[in-house]
Amino acid sequence: MIADVPAQRTSGPAGASEPHVPRLDLAPVLVKPLMTGVFGLFAMFTTLAAAAEPAAVAVDVEPVPTPESGVDPGFDVTGISDYNLPPAPLPGCEAALTTADVEFKTSPLKMHWNGSKEFLCGAKQVVVYRRSATKIRWSASPRVTCGVARALVAFEVIVQEEAERLFGREVASIEQMGTYNCRQIAAYAGWVSQHSFANAIDVKRFKLKGGREISVQKHYGRGTDAPSHKEGQFLRAVARRLVAEKVFNVVLTPNFDRAHHNHFHLDLAAYLVDGT
């Protein structure tokens, strides 16, 4: 399209007159077709993108099961701290013991009030732990919660590793002092002992193959530094690994207080105590 501009003459540098060159106005010719093409491409890509989106697929989501309570129905525990209640059963715990080649049998402890009816004793998921793949013998088969039984598997592995490292031989047997005892913690009024739920074990002595004995009372020592003898180094290493590797939540030794002068107290309370 040619713009409608009157013809004029202008004077050049030498004063000569030159005819005016008409301007070409191309906007109406080019812009409209260009914009039409752009909008057309946009519409086409939008259609293709919509067609490429996968159709929504309905997915059945299974509801998360509510964890089983550690308290049997019929017991009103209103006002009792969770720290003082029996532990809830652990899903798949017995199957895990079987997979780990642990010899055990289920042995639930009937739940009941203590004598003054201040707290509950007993627990739902209790087993008698007999032996694991380490083949360590126990002075008496521990009757403990399934959670503690699983912890004992890891405990025995640590015991054998430290015995091999320090003595060049394995542990043959472990002497324990008890697991289940319906009572409060002697030094802490108002706190229920994990022994009330068989959620704890007290360990007194280890015996190596060949007969050498390692006694918590004789060999653990006192203070932060490990004794110079191998027996003390063994006990310190085992206790510290139980804490560092989170095998048990509570590990009490002769360094904790006089009540534990002759044994390790190991439990799975809902709180943490490093008493090494």
C-alpha atoms as a PDB file:
ATOM      1  CA  MET A   1       0.000   0.000   0.000  1.00  0.00           C
ATOM      2  CA  ILE A   2       1.285   3.479  -0.908  1.00  0.00           C
ATOM      3  CA  ALA A   3       0.622   6.294   1.542  1.00  0.00           C
ATOM      4  CA  ASP A   4      -1.387   9.172   0.164  1.00  0.00           C
ATOM      5  CA  VAL A   5       1.228  11.948   0.477  1.00  0.00           C
ATOM      6  CA  PRO A   6       1.260  15.002  -1.844  1.00  0.00           C
ATOM      7  CA  ALA A   7       4.254  15.210  -4.160  1.00  0.00           C
ATOM      8  CA  GLN A   8       6.731  17.907  -3.090  1.00  0.00           C
ATOM      9  CA  ARG A   9      10.192  19.023  -4.006  1.00  0.00           C
ATOM     10  CA  THR A  10      13.010  19.603  -1.577  1.00  0.00           C
ATOM     11  CA  SER A  11      16.280  21.404  -2.012  1.00  0.00           C
ATOM     12  CA  GLY A  12      19.448  19.362  -1.873  1.00  0.00           C
ATOM     13  CA  PRO A  13      22.888  20.548  -0.827  1.00  0.00           C
ATOM     14  CA  ALA A  14      23.547  22.153  -4.216  1.00  0.00           C
ATOM     15  CA  GLY A  15      20.187  23.819  -4.220  1.00  0.00           C
ATOM     16  CA  ALA A  16      18.801  21.428  -6.834  1.00  0.00           C
ATOM     17  CA  SER A  17      15.244  20.387  -6.426  1.00  0.00           C
ATOM     18  CA  GLU A  18      14.548  16.595  -5.966  1.00  0.00           C
ATOM     19  CA  PRO A  19      11.227  14.840  -6.237  1.00  0.00           C
ATOM     20  CA  HIS A  20       9.767  13.456  -2.935  1.00  0.00           C
ATOM     21  CA  VAL A  21       9.857   9.591  -2.707  1.00  0.00           C
ATOM     22  CA  PRO A  22       6.533   8.145  -1.529  1.00  0.00           C
ATOM     23  CA  ARG A  23       6.626   6.064   1.818  1.00  0.00           C
ATOM     24  CA  LEU A  24       5.352   2.498   1.792  1.00  0.00           C
ATOM     25  CA  ASP A  25       3.072   1.698   4.762  1.00  0.00           C
ATOM     26  CA  LEU A  26       3.411  -2.132   5.071  1.00  0.00           C
ATOM     27  CA  ALA A  27       1.872  -2.573   8.546  1.00  0.00           C
ATOM     28  CA  PRO A  28      -1.628  -3.390   7.362  1.00  0.00           C
ATOM     29  CA  VAL A  29      -0.176  -5.813   4.834  1.00  0.00           C
ATOM     30  CA  LEU A  30       2.198  -7.762   7.149  1.00  0.00           C
ATOM     31  CA  VAL A  31       1.080  -7.409  10.779  1.00  0.00           C
ATOM     32  CA  LYS A  32      -2.434  -8.772  10.487  1.00  0.00           C
ATOM     33  CA  PRO A  33      -1.461 -12.020   8.666  1.00  0.00           C
ATOM     34  CA  LEU A  34       1.525 -12.476  11.043  1.00  0.00           C
ATOM     35  CA  MET A  35      -0.610 -12.114  14.181  1.00  0.00           C
ATOM     36  CA  THR A  36      -3.223 -14.439  12.708  1.00  0.00           C
ATOM     37  CA  GLY A  37      -0.529 -17.094  12.224  1.00  0.00           C
ATOM     38  CA  VAL A  38       0.882 -16.688  15.753  1.00  0.00           C
ATOM     39  CA  PHE A  39      -2.520 -17.073  17.382  1.00  0.00           C
ATOM     40  CA  GLY A  40      -3.209 -20.076  15.187  1.00  0.00           C
ATOM     41  CA  LEU A  41       0.027 -21.809  16.270  1.00  0.00           C
ATOM     42  CA  PHE A  42      -0.701 -21.049  19.943  1.00  0.00           C
ATOM     43  CA  ALA A  43      -4.142 -22.604  19.663  1.00  0.00           C
ATOM     44  CA  MET A  44      -2.674 -25.665  17.957  1.00  0.00           C
ATOM     45  CA  PHE A  45       0.019 -26.225  20.645  1.00  0.00           C
ATOM     46  CA  THR A  46      -2.544 -25.742  23.427  1.00  0.00           C
ATOM     47  CA  THR A  47      -4.733 -28.424  21.863  1.00  0.00           C
ATOM     48  CA  LEU A  48      -1.792 -30.817  21.461  1.00  0.00           C
ATOM     49  CA  ALA A  49      -0.629 -30.263  25.051  1.00  0.00           C
ATOM     50  CA  ALA A  50      -4.088 -30.949  26.390  1.00  0.00           C
ATOM     51  CA  ALA A  51      -4.297 -34.120  24.339  1.00  0.00           C
ATOM     52  CA  ALA A  52      -0.880 -35.270  25.623  1.00  0.00           C
ATOM     53  CA  GLU A  53      -1.823 -35.027  29.311  1.00  0.00           C
ATOM     54  CA  PRO A  54      -2.508 -38.474  30.784  1.00  0.00           C
ATOM     55  CA  ALA A  55      -6.006 -39.139  31.915  1.00  0.00           C
ATOM     56  CA  ALA A  56      -6.500 -39.037  35.660  1.00  0.00           C
ATOM     57  CA  VAL A  57      -6.293 -42.527  37.167  1.00  0.00           C
ATOM     58  CA  ALA A  58      -8.211 -43.368  40.305  1.00  0.00           C
ATOM     59  CA  VAL A  59      -5.873 -44.865  42.948  1.00  0.00           C
ATOM     60  CA  ASP A  60      -7.140 -46.816  45.909  1.00  0.00           C
ATOM     61  CA  VAL A  61      -5.234 -45.620  48.992  1.00  0.00           C
ATOM     62  CA  GLU A  62      -5.324 -48.004  51.914  1.00  0.00           C
ATOM     63  CA  PRO A  63      -5.952 -46.259  55.215  1.00  0.00           C
ATOM     64  CA  VAL A  64      -3.042 -46.257  57.664  1.00  0.00           C
ATOM     65  CA  PRO A  65      -3.912 -48.660  60.480  1.00  0.00           C
ATOM     66  CA  THR A  66      -4.202 -47.177  63.946  1.00  0.00           C
ATOM     67  CA  PRO A  67      -1.327 -48.394  66.148  1.00  0.00           C
ATOM     68  CA  GLU A  68      -2.411 -50.929  68.730  1.00  0.00           C
ATOM     69  CA  SER A  69      -2.471 -49.638  72.287  1.00  0.00           C
ATOM     70  CA  GLY A  70      -0.179 -51.201  74.837  1.00  0.00           C
ATOM     71  CA  VAL A  71      -3.003 -51.188  77.382  1.00  0.00           C
ATOM     72  CA  ASP A  72      -5.635 -53.911  77.452  1.00  0.00           C
ATOM     73  CA  PRO A  73      -9.276 -52.776  77.166  1.00  0.00           C
ATOM     74  CA  GLY A  74     -10.982 -52.298  80.500  1.00  0.00           C
ATOM     75  CA  PHE A  75      -8.137 -50.463  82.232  1.00  0.00           C
ATOM     76  CA  ASP A  76      -8.734 -46.771  82.844  1.00  0.00           C
ATOM     77  CA  VAL A  77      -5.297 -45.146  82.664  1.00  0.00           C
ATOM     78  CA  THR A  78      -6.518 -41.551  82.671  1.00  0.00           C
ATOM     79  CA  GLY A  79      -3.910 -39.332  84.291  1.00  0.00           C
ATOM     80  CA  ILE A  80      -1.073 -41.849  83.954  1.00  0.00           C
ATOM     81  CA  SER A  81       1.925 -40.631  81.947  1.00  0.00           C
ATOM     82  CA  ASP A  82       2.742 -42.490  78.729  1.00  0.00           C
ATOM     83  CA  TYR A  83       6.195 -43.089  80.235  1.00  0.00           C
ATOM     84  CA  ASN A  84       4.528 -45.242  82.903  1.00  0.00           C
ATOM     85  CA  LEU A  85       2.392 -47.367  80.580  1.00  0.00           C
ATOM     86  CA  PRO A  86       3.172 -50.748  78.994  1.00  0.00           C
ATOM     87  CA  PRO A  87       4.795 -50.515  75.544  1.00  0.00           C
ATOM     88  CA  ALA A  88       2.606 -50.937  72.476  1.00  0.00           C
ATOM     89  CA  PRO A  89       3.138 -54.121  70.420  1.00  0.00           C
ATOM     90  CA  LEU A  90       5.558 -53.778  67.493  1.00  0.00           C
ATOM     91  CA  PRO A  91       4.037 -54.905  64.166  1.00  0.00           C
ATOM     92  CA  GLY A  92       6.003 -57.724  62.558  1.00  0.00           C
ATOM     93  CA  CYS A  93       8.318 -58.168  65.552  1.00  0.00           C
ATOM     94  CA  GLU A  94       7.908 -61.927  65.917  1.00  0.00           C
ATOM     95  CA  ALA A  95       8.407 -62.359  62.178  1.00  0.00           C
ATOM     96  CA  ALA A  96      11.658 -60.387  62.431  1.00  0.00           C
ATOM     97  CA  LEU A  97      12.877 -62.712  65.183  1.00  0.00           C
ATOM     98  CA  THR A  98      12.086 -65.719  63.030  1.00  0.00           C
ATOM     99  CA  THR A  99      13.946 -64.198  60.076  1.00  0.00           C
ATOM    100  CA  ALA A 100      16.968 -63.639  62.343  1.00  0.00           C
ATOM    101  CA  ASP A 101      16.961 -67.351  63.317  1.00  0.00           C
ATOM    102  CA  VAL A 102      16.077 -66.626  66.937  1.00  0.00           C
ATOM    103  CA  GLU A 103      14.697 -69.463  69.040  1.00  0.00           C
ATOM    104  CA  PHE A 104      11.788 -68.095  71.083  1.00  0.00           C
ATOM    105  CA  LYS A 105       8.211 -68.702  72.129  1.00  0.00           C
ATOM    106  CA  THR A 106       5.404 -66.232  72.779  1.00  0.00           C
ATOM    107  CA  SER A 107       4.601 -65.737  76.460  1.00  0.00           C
ATOM    108  CA  PRO A 108       2.220 -62.811  77.144  1.00  0.00           C
ATOM    109  CA  LEU A 109       2.210 -61.349  80.646  1.00  0.00           C
ATOM    110  CA  LYS A 110      -1.323 -60.819  81.924  1.00  0.00           C
ATOM    111  CA  MET A 111      -1.925 -57.131  82.545  1.00  0.00           C
ATOM    112  CA  HIS A 112      -2.932 -56.117  86.067  1.00  0.00           C
ATOM    113  CA  TRP A 113      -2.758 -53.260  88.539  1.00  0.00           C
ATOM    114  CA  ASN A 114       0.035 -53.181  91.090  1.00  0.00           C
ATOM    115  CA  GLY A 115      -0.944 -53.765  94.711  1.00  0.00           C
ATOM    116  CA  SER A 116      -1.901 -50.141  95.391  1.00  0.00           C
ATOM    117  CA  LYS A 117      -3.527 -49.756  91.950  1.00  0.00           C
ATOM    118  CA  GLU A 118      -1.275 -46.858  91.023  1.00  0.00           C
ATOM    119  CA  PHE A 119       0.133 -48.337  87.815  1.00  0.00           C
ATOM    120  CA  LEU A 120      -0.164 -51.309  85.471  1.00  0.00           C
ATOM    121  CA  CYS A 121       2.120 -54.300  85.170  1.00  0.00           C
ATOM    122  CA  GLY A 122       2.417 -56.889  82.418  1.00  0.00           C
ATOM    123  CA  ALA A 123       2.533 -56.485  78.649  1.00  0.00           C
ATOM    124  CA  LYS A 124       0.889 -57.855  75.525  1.00  0.00           C
ATOM    125  CA  GLN A 125       3.832 -58.750  73.294  1.00  0.00           C
ATOM    126  CA  VAL A 126       6.202 -60.834  75.435  1.00  0.00           C
ATOM    127  CA  VAL A 127       8.410 -63.742  74.418  1.00  0.00           C
ATOM    128  CA  VAL A 128      10.821 -66.165  76.041  1.00  0.00           C
ATOM    129  CA  TYR A 129      14.161 -65.602  74.317  1.00  0.00           C
ATOM    130  CA  ARG A 130      16.206 -68.773  74.072  1.00  0.00           C
ATOM    131  CA  ARG A 131      19.029 -68.410  71.580  1.00  0.00           C
ATOM    132  CA  SER A 132      20.118 -66.515  68.471  1.00  0.00           C
ATOM    133  CA  ALA A 133      22.577 -67.297  65.688  1.00  0.00           C
ATOM    134  CA  THR A 134      25.478 -66.331  68.018  1.00  0.00           C
ATOM    135  CA  LYS A 135      24.750 -69.473  70.087  1.00  0.00           C
ATOM    136  CA  ILE A 136      25.350 -67.625  73.366  1.00  0.00           C
ATOM    137  CA  ARG A 137      23.733 -69.427  76.294  1.00  0.00           C
ATOM    138  CA  TRP A 138      21.819 -67.474  78.933  1.00  0.00           C
ATOM    139  CA  SER A 139      21.813 -68.445  82.605  1.00  0.00           C
ATOM    140  CA  ALA A 140      18.015 -68.342  82.349  1.00  0.00           C
ATOM    141  CA  SER A 141      16.032 -67.731  79.177  1.00  0.00           C
ATOM    142  CA  PRO A 142      14.973 -64.060  79.374  1.00  0.00           C
ATOM    143  CA  ARG A 143      11.235 -63.392  79.362  1.00  0.00           C
ATOM    144  CA  VAL A 144      11.059 -59.972  77.710  1.00  0.00           C
ATOM    145  CA  THR A 145       9.030 -57.843  75.337  1.00  0.00           C
ATOM    146  CA  CYS A 146       9.536 -58.670  71.689  1.00  0.00           C
ATOM    147  CA  GLY A 147      11.288 -55.322  71.275  1.00  0.00           C
ATOM    148  CA  VAL A 148      13.867 -56.227  73.920  1.00  0.00           C
ATOM    149  CA  ALA A 149      14.287 -59.650  72.303  1.00  0.00           C
ATOM    150  CA  ARG A 150      15.211 -57.944  69.035  1.00  0.00           C
ATOM    151  CA  ALA A 151      17.645 -55.704  70.920  1.00  0.00           C
ATOM    152  CA  LEU A 152      19.260 -58.778  72.494  1.00  0.00           C
ATOM    153  CA  VAL A 153      20.114 -60.066  69.018  1.00  0.00           C
ATOM    154  CA  ALA A 154      22.095 -56.876  68.324  1.00  0.00           C
ATOM    155  CA  PHE A 155      23.532 -56.945  71.865  1.00  0.00           C
ATOM    156  CA  GLU A 156      24.930 -60.442  71.350  1.00  0.00           C
ATOM    157  CA  VAL A 157      26.553 -59.432  68.047  1.00  0.00           C
ATOM    158  CA  ILE A 158      28.310 -56.511  69.763  1.00  0.00           C
ATOM    159  CA  VAL A 159      29.402 -58.768  72.632  1.00  0.00           C
ATOM    160  CA  GLN A 160      30.970 -61.282  70.239  1.00  0.00           C
ATOM    161  CA  GLU A 161      32.696 -58.596  68.171  1.00  0.00           C
ATOM    162  CA  GLU A 162      34.308 -56.997  71.229  1.00  0.00           C
ATOM    163  CA  ALA A 163      35.303 -60.369  72.690  1.00  0.00           C
ATOM    164  CA  GLU A 164      36.994 -61.377  69.436  1.00  0.00           C
ATOM    165  CA  ARG A 165      38.764 -58.001  69.233  1.00  0.00           C
ATOM    166  CA  LEU A 166      40.122 -58.031  72.787  1.00  0.00           C
ATOM    167  CA  PHE A 167      40.465 -61.724  73.661  1.00  0.00           C
ATOM    168  CA  GLY A 168      40.545 -63.504  70.310  1.00  0.00           C
ATOM    169  CA  ARG A 169      37.670 -65.762  71.357  1.00  0.00           C
ATOM    170  CA  GLU A 170      33.883 -65.695  71.664  1.00  0.00           C
ATOM    171  CA  VAL A 171      31.537 -65.355  74.614  1.00  0.00           C
ATOM    172  CA  ALA A 172      29.972 -68.685  75.554  1.00  0.00           C
ATOM    173  CA  SER A 173      27.379 -67.540  78.089  1.00  0.00           C
ATOM    174  CA  ILE A 174      25.794 -64.521  79.793  1.00  0.00           C
ATOM    175  CA  GLU A 175      24.428 -64.379  83.326  1.00  0.00           C
ATOM    176  CA  GLN A 176      21.323 -62.242  83.768  1.00  0.00           C
ATOM    177  CA  MET A 177      19.717 -61.107  87.024  1.00  0.00           C
ATOM    178  CA  GLY A 178      16.095 -60.667  85.960  1.00  0.00           C
ATOM    179  CA  THR A 179      13.612 -59.124  83.554  1.00  0.00           C
ATOM    180  CA  TYR A 180      10.046 -58.976  84.925  1.00  0.00           C
ATOM    181  CA  ASN A 181       9.320 -57.401  88.301  1.00  0.00           C
ATOM    182  CA  CYS A 182       6.199 -55.321  89.011  1.00  0.00           C
ATOM    183  CA  ARG A 183       7.570 -52.260  90.835  1.00  0.00           C
ATOM    184  CA  GLN A 184       8.491 -48.597  90.675  1.00  0.00           C
ATOM    185  CA  ILE A 185      12.045 -47.329  90.208  1.00  0.00           C
ATOM    186  CA  ALA A 186      13.532 -47.471  93.693  1.00  0.00           C
ATOM    187  CA  ALA A 187      15.331 -44.118  93.554  1.00  0.00           C
ATOM    188  CA  TYR A 188      12.670 -42.199  91.636  1.00  0.00           C
ATOM    189  CA  ALA A 189       9.235 -41.999  93.231  1.00  0.00           C
ATOM    190  CA  GLY A 190       6.384 -41.917  90.732  1.00  0.00           C
ATOM    191  CA  TRP A 191       8.378 -43.567  87.927  1.00  0.00           C
ATOM    192  CA  VAL A 192       7.405 -47.102  86.969  1.00  0.00           C
ATOM    193  CA  SER A 193      10.285 -49.476  86.294  1.00  0.00           C
ATOM    194  CA  GLN A 194      10.448 -50.960  82.804  1.00  0.00           C
ATOM    195  CA  HIS A 195      10.860 -54.280  84.600  1.00  0.00           C
ATOM    196  CA  SER A 196       7.120 -53.986  85.324  1.00  0.00           C
ATOM    197  CA  PHE A 197       6.518 -54.634  81.618  1.00  0.00           C
ATOM    198  CA  ALA A 198       9.410 -57.106  81.032  1.00  0.00           C
ATOM    199  CA  ASN A 199      10.818 -54.294  78.913  1.00  0.00           C
ATOM    200  CA  ALA A 200      14.221 -54.459  80.617  1.00  0.00           C
ATOM    201  CA  ILE A 201      16.998 -56.885  81.485  1.00  0.00           C
ATOM    202  CA  ASP A 202      19.840 -56.819  84.037  1.00  0.00           C
ATOM    203  CA  VAL A 203      23.148 -58.374  82.933  1.00  0.00           C
ATOM    204  CA  LYS A 204      25.736 -59.401  85.550  1.00  0.00           C
ATOM    205  CA  ARG A 205      28.499 -61.511  84.013  1.00  0.00           C
ATOM    206  CA  PHE A 206      29.988 -62.845  80.752  1.00  0.00           C
ATOM    207  CA  LYS A 207      31.933 -66.085  80.327  1.00  0.00           C
ATOM    208  CA  LEU A 208      34.295 -66.616  77.403  1.00  0.00           C
ATOM    209  CA  LYS A 209      34.915 -69.926  75.687  1.00  0.00           C
ATOM    210  CA  GLY A 210      37.697 -71.466  77.761  1.00  0.00           C
ATOM    211  CA  GLY A 211      36.169 -70.338  81.068  1.00  0.00           C
ATOM    212  CA  ARG A 212      37.443 -66.779  81.558  1.00  0.00           C
ATOM    213  CA  GLU A 213      34.822 -64.663  83.360  1.00  0.00           C
ATOM    214  CA  ILE A 214      34.125 -60.949  83.018  1.00  0.00           C
ATOM    215  CA  SER A 215      32.172 -59.468  85.923  1.00  0.00           C
ATOM    216  CA  VAL A 216      30.462 -56.078  85.780  1.00  0.00           C
ATOM    217  CA  GLN A 217      31.033 -55.612  89.512  1.00  0.00           C
ATOM    218  CA  LYS A 218      34.722 -56.562  89.459  1.00  0.00           C
ATOM    219  CA  HIS A 219      35.876 -55.225  86.123  1.00  0.00           C
ATOM    220  CA  TYR A 220      33.803 -52.235  84.963  1.00  0.00           C
ATOM    221  CA  GLY A 221      35.560 -49.765  87.277  1.00  0.00           C
ATOM    222  CA  ARG A 222      34.428 -46.251  88.141  1.00  0.00           C
ATOM    223  CA  GLY A 223      34.960 -42.926  86.410  1.00  0.00           C
ATOM    224  CA  THR A 224      35.162 -41.972  82.750  1.00  0.00           C
ATOM    225  CA  ASP A 225      38.439 -43.720  81.865  1.00  0.00           C
ATOM    226  CA  ALA A 226      38.385 -47.391  81.003  1.00  0.00           C
ATOM    227  CA  PRO A 227      40.486 -49.685  83.216  1.00  0.00           C
ATOM    228  CA  SER A 228      43.815 -50.880  81.865  1.00  0.00           C
ATOM    229  CA  HIS A 229      42.807 -54.560  81.929  1.00  0.00           C
ATOM    230  CA  LYS A 230      41.013 -56.129  78.967  1.00  0.00           C
ATOM    231  CA  GLU A 231      37.973 -57.149  81.001  1.00  0.00           C
ATOM    232  CA  GLY A 232      37.214 -53.538  81.855  1.00  0.00           C
ATOM    233  CA  GLN A 233      37.890 -52.396  78.295  1.00  0.00           C
ATOM    234  CA  PHE A 234      35.484 -55.049  77.045  1.00  0.00           C
ATOM    235  CA  LEU A 235      32.682 -53.933  79.375  1.00  0.00           C
ATOM    236  CA  ARG A 236      33.206 -50.234  78.584  1.00  0.00           C
ATOM    237  CA  ALA A 237      33.239 -50.892  74.839  1.00  0.00           C
ATOM    238  CA  VAL A 238      30.043 -52.960  74.975  1.00  0.00           C
ATOM    239  CA  ALA A 239      28.185 -50.367  77.085  1.00  0.00           C
ATOM    240  CA  ARG A 240      29.234 -47.449  74.898  1.00  0.00           C
ATOM    241  CA  ARG A 241      28.287 -49.238  71.690  1.00  0.00           C
ATOM    242  CA  LEU A 242      24.847 -50.071  73.065  1.00  0.00           C
ATOM    243  CA  VAL A 243      24.274 -46.320  73.448  1.00  0.00           C
ATOM    244  CA  ALA A 244      26.001 -45.158  70.255  1.00  0.00           C
ATOM    245  CA  GLU A 245      24.235 -47.735  68.081  1.00  0.00           C
ATOM    246  CA  LYS A 246      20.883 -47.126  69.817  1.00  0.00           C
ATOM    247  CA  VAL A 247      20.387 -50.771  70.719  1.00  0.00           C
ATOM    248  CA  PHE A 248      18.736 -49.827  74.022  1.00  0.00           C
ATOM    249  CA  ASN A 249      17.222 -46.508  75.078  1.00  0.00           C
ATOM    250  CA  VAL A 250      18.464 -46.764  78.661  1.00  0.00           C
ATOM    251  CA  VAL A 251      21.907 -48.151  79.540  1.00  0.00           C
ATOM    252  CA  LEU A 252      22.871 -47.990  83.233  1.00  0.00           C
ATOM    253  CA  THR A 253      26.227 -49.133  84.600  1.00  0.00           C
ATOM    254  CA  PRO A 254      28.186 -48.872  87.885  1.00  0.00           C
ATOM    255  CA  ASN A 255      29.023 -45.313  86.793  1.00  0.00           C
ATOM    256  CA  PHE A 256      25.349 -44.341  87.064  1.00  0.00           C
ATOM    257  CA  ASP A 257      24.629 -45.022  90.731  1.00  0.00           C
ATOM    258  CA  ARG A 258      25.262 -47.508  93.534  1.00  0.00           C
ATOM    259  CA  ALA A 259      22.102 -49.450  92.725  1.00  0.00           C
ATOM    260  CA  HIS A 260      23.833 -50.636  89.542  1.00  0.00           C
ATOM    261  CA  HIS A 261      27.224 -51.427  91.058  1.00  0.00           C
ATOM    262  CA  ASN A 262      27.092 -55.052  89.902  1.00  0.00           C
ATOM    263  CA  HIS A 263      25.151 -55.100  86.643  1.00  0.00           C
ATOM    264  CA  PHE A 264      24.129 -53.428  83.406  1.00  0.00           C
ATOM    265  CA  HIS A 265      20.475 -52.336  83.321  1.00  0.00           C
ATOM    266  CA  LEU A 266      19.219 -52.278  79.714  1.00  0.00           C
ATOM    267  CA  ASP A 267      15.717 -51.225  78.682  1.00  0.00           C
ATOM    268  CA  LEU A 268      13.542 -49.740  75.937  1.00  0.00           C
ATOM    269  CA  ALA A 269      11.737 -46.982  77.832  1.00  0.00           C
ATOM    270  CA  ALA A 270      10.220 -44.110  75.851  1.00  0.00           C
ATOM    271  CA  TYR A 271      13.054 -41.844  77.047  1.00  0.00           C
ATOM    272  CA  LEU A 272      16.861 -41.934  76.743  1.00  0.00           C
ATOM    273  CA  VAL A 273      19.435 -42.324  79.534  1.00  0.00           C
ATOM    274  CA  ASP A 274      23.172 -42.780  78.935  1.00  0.00           C
ATOM    275  CA  GLY A 275      24.462 -44.135  82.222  1.00  0.00           C
ATOM    276  CA  THR A 276      27.807 -45.417  80.943  1.00  0.00           C
END
